[in-house]
């Protein structure tokens, strides 16, 4: 069962488990939820320049950063697909989506400092809020986070 729900490369929940969690847990409650979608910037370049094995290492590194940084907050982590990752979280007085993003960026800076001669990992983020009502379709919840992530890429002048 764990093999069916876990991404074998990163050890995070896979897309199938993300979809299940979203439909059964998030949509099943009348409460707010946040989705943070993220994507590795210039991932294709990592694969093209350093090879696909190093691209896999970049994915594993981001998975480890997510587990290390966000695991203690009780959020749902998944590899959404390709070089995209997702965090689903209920609102919390102790931390916000922006706070988690700040923590992730700090950890990424530390990892990049350890490997200054290699490629540098950078992430674009998009945050969306689900209001807990049946009025907001889950598809819009995801599309909004995805659109915000691409706006972040544009702000960073990336493709």
C-alpha atoms as a PDB file:
ATOM      1  CA  UNK A   1       0.000   0.000   0.000  1.00  0.00           C
ATOM      2  CA  UNK A   2       2.864   2.377   0.799  1.00  0.00           C
ATOM      3  CA  UNK A   3       4.410   1.702  -2.623  1.00  0.00           C
ATOM      4  CA  UNK A   4       1.161   2.736  -4.274  1.00  0.00           C
ATOM      5  CA  UNK A   5       0.988   6.043  -2.383  1.00  0.00           C
ATOM      6  CA  UNK A   6       4.682   7.025  -2.224  1.00  0.00           C
ATOM      7  CA  UNK A   7       6.891   8.587  -4.860  1.00  0.00           C
ATOM      8  CA  UNK A   8       9.828   6.185  -5.142  1.00  0.00           C
ATOM      9  CA  UNK A   9      12.371   8.897  -5.953  1.00  0.00           C
ATOM     10  CA  UNK A  10      11.653  11.390  -3.155  1.00  0.00           C
ATOM     11  CA  UNK A  11       9.864   9.308  -0.536  1.00  0.00           C
ATOM     12  CA  UNK A  12       7.052  11.878  -0.456  1.00  0.00           C
ATOM     13  CA  UNK A  13       3.410  11.157  -1.133  1.00  0.00           C
ATOM     14  CA  UNK A  14       2.775  10.797  -4.859  1.00  0.00           C
ATOM     15  CA  UNK A  15       0.194  12.516  -7.064  1.00  0.00           C
ATOM     16  CA  UNK A  16      -2.292   9.706  -6.584  1.00  0.00           C
ATOM     17  CA  UNK A  17      -2.136  10.137  -2.803  1.00  0.00           C
ATOM     18  CA  UNK A  18      -2.335  13.932  -3.194  1.00  0.00           C
ATOM     19  CA  UNK A  19      -5.546  13.600  -5.218  1.00  0.00           C
ATOM     20  CA  UNK A  20      -7.013  11.172  -2.674  1.00  0.00           C
ATOM     21  CA  UNK A  21      -6.099  13.419   0.267  1.00  0.00           C
ATOM     22  CA  UNK A  22      -7.451  16.499  -1.465  1.00  0.00           C
ATOM     23  CA  UNK A  23     -10.790  14.882  -2.267  1.00  0.00           C
ATOM     24  CA  UNK A  24     -11.308  12.968   0.965  1.00  0.00           C
ATOM     25  CA  UNK A  25      -9.788  15.238   3.596  1.00  0.00           C
ATOM     26  CA  UNK A  26      -9.717  18.786   2.282  1.00  0.00           C
ATOM     27  CA  UNK A  27     -13.043  18.763   0.441  1.00  0.00           C
ATOM     28  CA  UNK A  28     -14.653  16.729   3.215  1.00  0.00           C
ATOM     29  CA  UNK A  29     -14.343  19.526   5.763  1.00  0.00           C
ATOM     30  CA  UNK A  30     -15.924  22.934   6.093  1.00  0.00           C
ATOM     31  CA  UNK A  31     -12.642  24.590   6.909  1.00  0.00           C
ATOM     32  CA  UNK A  32     -10.023  26.594   5.104  1.00  0.00           C
ATOM     33  CA  UNK A  33      -6.982  24.997   3.537  1.00  0.00           C
ATOM     34  CA  UNK A  34      -3.890  26.331   1.827  1.00  0.00           C
ATOM     35  CA  UNK A  35      -2.065  24.811  -1.093  1.00  0.00           C
ATOM     36  CA  UNK A  36       1.526  25.705  -1.886  1.00  0.00           C
ATOM     37  CA  UNK A  37       2.597  24.489  -5.305  1.00  0.00           C
ATOM     38  CA  UNK A  38       6.288  24.742  -6.084  1.00  0.00           C
ATOM     39  CA  UNK A  39       8.526  23.952  -8.979  1.00  0.00           C
ATOM     40  CA  UNK A  40      12.297  23.714  -9.413  1.00  0.00           C
ATOM     41  CA  UNK A  41      13.470  26.616 -11.566  1.00  0.00           C
ATOM     42  CA  UNK A  42      15.439  25.703 -14.681  1.00  0.00           C
ATOM     43  CA  UNK A  43      15.069  21.999 -14.008  1.00  0.00           C
ATOM     44  CA  UNK A  44      15.412  21.164 -17.694  1.00  0.00           C
ATOM     45  CA  UNK A  45      18.827  22.857 -17.667  1.00  0.00           C
ATOM     46  CA  UNK A  46      19.933  20.673 -14.762  1.00  0.00           C
ATOM     47  CA  UNK A  47      18.983  17.576 -16.757  1.00  0.00           C
ATOM     48  CA  UNK A  48      20.543  18.905 -19.983  1.00  0.00           C
ATOM     49  CA  UNK A  49      23.831  20.101 -18.481  1.00  0.00           C
ATOM     50  CA  UNK A  50      24.426  17.642 -15.637  1.00  0.00           C
ATOM     51  CA  UNK A  51      22.406  14.626 -16.808  1.00  0.00           C
ATOM     52  CA  UNK A  52      19.223  12.934 -15.675  1.00  0.00           C
ATOM     53  CA  UNK A  53      20.867  11.217 -12.713  1.00  0.00           C
ATOM     54  CA  UNK A  54      21.793  14.625 -11.332  1.00  0.00           C
ATOM     55  CA  UNK A  55      18.256  15.814 -12.108  1.00  0.00           C
ATOM     56  CA  UNK A  56      17.026  12.920  -9.963  1.00  0.00           C
ATOM     57  CA  UNK A  57      19.420  14.056  -7.216  1.00  0.00           C
ATOM     58  CA  UNK A  58      17.939  17.564  -7.399  1.00  0.00           C
ATOM     59  CA  UNK A  59      14.450  16.095  -6.959  1.00  0.00           C
ATOM     60  CA  UNK A  60      15.629  14.007  -3.999  1.00  0.00           C
ATOM     61  CA  UNK A  61      17.307  17.054  -2.474  1.00  0.00           C
ATOM     62  CA  UNK A  62      14.117  19.088  -2.682  1.00  0.00           C
ATOM     63  CA  UNK A  63      12.180  16.165  -1.191  1.00  0.00           C
ATOM     64  CA  UNK A  64      14.628  16.024   1.721  1.00  0.00           C
ATOM     65  CA  UNK A  65      14.386  19.785   2.222  1.00  0.00           C
ATOM     66  CA  UNK A  66      10.588  19.548   2.324  1.00  0.00           C
ATOM     67  CA  UNK A  67      10.627  16.702   4.848  1.00  0.00           C
ATOM     68  CA  UNK A  68      13.251  18.364   7.040  1.00  0.00           C
ATOM     69  CA  UNK A  69      11.689  21.822   6.969  1.00  0.00           C
ATOM     70  CA  UNK A  70       7.954  21.126   6.880  1.00  0.00           C
ATOM     71  CA  UNK A  71       7.622  17.649   8.357  1.00  0.00           C
ATOM     72  CA  UNK A  72       7.363  18.939  11.909  1.00  0.00           C
ATOM     73  CA  UNK A  73       4.356  21.118  11.048  1.00  0.00           C
ATOM     74  CA  UNK A  74       1.946  18.302  10.267  1.00  0.00           C
ATOM     75  CA  UNK A  75       1.353  19.378   6.679  1.00  0.00           C
ATOM     76  CA  UNK A  76       0.731  17.053   3.746  1.00  0.00           C
ATOM     77  CA  UNK A  77       3.751  16.873   1.424  1.00  0.00           C
ATOM     78  CA  UNK A  78       3.771  15.393  -2.050  1.00  0.00           C
ATOM     79  CA  UNK A  79       5.601  15.272  -5.315  1.00  0.00           C
ATOM     80  CA  UNK A  80       2.922  16.662  -7.558  1.00  0.00           C
ATOM     81  CA  UNK A  81       4.607  15.561 -10.772  1.00  0.00           C
ATOM     82  CA  UNK A  82       7.833  16.117 -12.704  1.00  0.00           C
ATOM     83  CA  UNK A  83       9.708  18.827 -10.833  1.00  0.00           C
ATOM     84  CA  UNK A  84       6.621  20.115  -8.993  1.00  0.00           C
ATOM     85  CA  UNK A  85       5.840  19.593  -5.324  1.00  0.00           C
ATOM     86  CA  UNK A  86       2.810  20.408  -3.184  1.00  0.00           C
ATOM     87  CA  UNK A  87       2.110  21.258   0.434  1.00  0.00           C
ATOM     88  CA  UNK A  88      -1.452  21.082   1.752  1.00  0.00           C
ATOM     89  CA  UNK A  89      -2.036  22.709   5.115  1.00  0.00           C
ATOM     90  CA  UNK A  90      -4.851  23.841   7.331  1.00  0.00           C
ATOM     91  CA  UNK A  91      -4.582  27.404   8.668  1.00  0.00           C
ATOM     92  CA  UNK A  92      -2.511  27.618  11.811  1.00  0.00           C
ATOM     93  CA  UNK A  93      -1.864  30.470  14.227  1.00  0.00           C
ATOM     94  CA  UNK A  94       1.768  29.442  14.647  1.00  0.00           C
ATOM     95  CA  UNK A  95       2.777  29.411  10.980  1.00  0.00           C
ATOM     96  CA  UNK A  96       1.492  30.605   7.621  1.00  0.00           C
ATOM     97  CA  UNK A  97       2.225  29.428   4.079  1.00  0.00           C
ATOM     98  CA  UNK A  98       4.576  32.398   3.695  1.00  0.00           C
ATOM     99  CA  UNK A  99       6.425  31.356   6.851  1.00  0.00           C
ATOM    100  CA  UNK A 100       6.952  27.844   5.473  1.00  0.00           C
ATOM    101  CA  UNK A 101       8.210  29.308   2.191  1.00  0.00           C
ATOM    102  CA  UNK A 102      10.686  31.485   4.107  1.00  0.00           C
ATOM    103  CA  UNK A 103      11.939  28.413   5.992  1.00  0.00           C
ATOM    104  CA  UNK A 104      12.257  26.451   2.749  1.00  0.00           C
ATOM    105  CA  UNK A 105      14.211  29.259   1.086  1.00  0.00           C
ATOM    106  CA  UNK A 106      16.599  29.421   4.052  1.00  0.00           C
ATOM    107  CA  UNK A 107      17.225  25.680   3.874  1.00  0.00           C
ATOM    108  CA  UNK A 108      17.751  25.882   0.108  1.00  0.00           C
ATOM    109  CA  UNK A 109      20.348  28.619   0.648  1.00  0.00           C
ATOM    110  CA  UNK A 110      22.194  26.351   3.086  1.00  0.00           C
ATOM    111  CA  UNK A 111      22.146  23.435   0.643  1.00  0.00           C
ATOM    112  CA  UNK A 112      23.377  25.688  -2.183  1.00  0.00           C
ATOM    113  CA  UNK A 113      26.245  26.957   0.000  1.00  0.00           C
ATOM    114  CA  UNK A 114      27.362  23.357   0.563  1.00  0.00           C
ATOM    115  CA  UNK A 115      27.638  22.847  -3.228  1.00  0.00           C
ATOM    116  CA  UNK A 116      28.813  26.191  -4.642  1.00  0.00           C
ATOM    117  CA  UNK A 117      30.524  24.632  -7.689  1.00  0.00           C
ATOM    118  CA  UNK A 118      27.394  22.813  -8.840  1.00  0.00           C
ATOM    119  CA  UNK A 119      23.994  24.065 -10.002  1.00  0.00           C
ATOM    120  CA  UNK A 120      22.003  26.111  -7.528  1.00  0.00           C
ATOM    121  CA  UNK A 121      18.502  24.998  -6.574  1.00  0.00           C
ATOM    122  CA  UNK A 122      15.853  27.694  -6.794  1.00  0.00           C
ATOM    123  CA  UNK A 123      12.109  27.315  -6.390  1.00  0.00           C
ATOM    124  CA  UNK A 124       9.044  29.214  -7.581  1.00  0.00           C
ATOM    125  CA  UNK A 125       5.986  29.121  -5.328  1.00  0.00           C
ATOM    126  CA  UNK A 126       2.257  29.639  -5.673  1.00  0.00           C
ATOM    127  CA  UNK A 127      -0.210  29.821  -2.799  1.00  0.00           C
ATOM    128  CA  UNK A 128      -3.952  29.252  -3.035  1.00  0.00           C
ATOM    129  CA  UNK A 129      -6.663  29.245  -0.379  1.00  0.00           C
ATOM    130  CA  UNK A 130      -9.652  26.905  -0.300  1.00  0.00           C
ATOM    131  CA  UNK A 131     -12.481  28.521   1.624  1.00  0.00           C
ATOM    132  CA  UNK A 132     -14.039  25.295   2.837  1.00  0.00           C
ATOM    133  CA  UNK A 133     -17.273  25.703   0.929  1.00  0.00           C
ATOM    134  CA  UNK A 134     -18.603  23.655  -1.923  1.00  0.00           C
ATOM    135  CA  UNK A 135     -18.792  26.881  -3.952  1.00  0.00           C
ATOM    136  CA  UNK A 136     -15.050  26.769  -4.668  1.00  0.00           C
ATOM    137  CA  UNK A 137     -14.210  23.785  -6.855  1.00  0.00           C
ATOM    138  CA  UNK A 138     -11.044  21.911  -5.984  1.00  0.00           C
ATOM    139  CA  UNK A 139      -9.872  22.381  -9.576  1.00  0.00           C
ATOM    140  CA  UNK A 140      -9.874  26.170  -9.026  1.00  0.00           C
ATOM    141  CA  UNK A 141      -7.940  25.687  -5.797  1.00  0.00           C
ATOM    142  CA  UNK A 142      -5.174  23.945  -7.752  1.00  0.00           C
ATOM    143  CA  UNK A 143      -5.346  26.234 -10.803  1.00  0.00           C
ATOM    144  CA  UNK A 144      -4.997  29.323  -8.606  1.00  0.00           C
ATOM    145  CA  UNK A 145      -1.849  27.966  -6.937  1.00  0.00           C
ATOM    146  CA  UNK A 146      -0.457  26.968 -10.323  1.00  0.00           C
ATOM    147  CA  UNK A 147      -1.140  30.439 -11.771  1.00  0.00           C
ATOM    148  CA  UNK A 148       0.541  32.079  -8.759  1.00  0.00           C
ATOM    149  CA  UNK A 149       3.560  29.813  -9.182  1.00  0.00           C
ATOM    150  CA  UNK A 150       3.947  30.921 -12.805  1.00  0.00           C
ATOM    151  CA  UNK A 151       3.561  34.574 -11.771  1.00  0.00           C
ATOM    152  CA  UNK A 152       6.411  33.979  -9.314  1.00  0.00           C
ATOM    153  CA  UNK A 153       8.504  32.528 -12.176  1.00  0.00           C
ATOM    154  CA  UNK A 154       7.810  35.648 -14.245  1.00  0.00           C
ATOM    155  CA  UNK A 155       8.812  37.870 -11.332  1.00  0.00           C
ATOM    156  CA  UNK A 156      12.065  35.931 -11.225  1.00  0.00           C
ATOM    157  CA  UNK A 157      12.384  36.227 -15.048  1.00  0.00           C
ATOM    158  CA  UNK A 158      12.220  32.493 -15.611  1.00  0.00           C
ATOM    159  CA  UNK A 159      10.426  30.321 -18.135  1.00  0.00           C
END
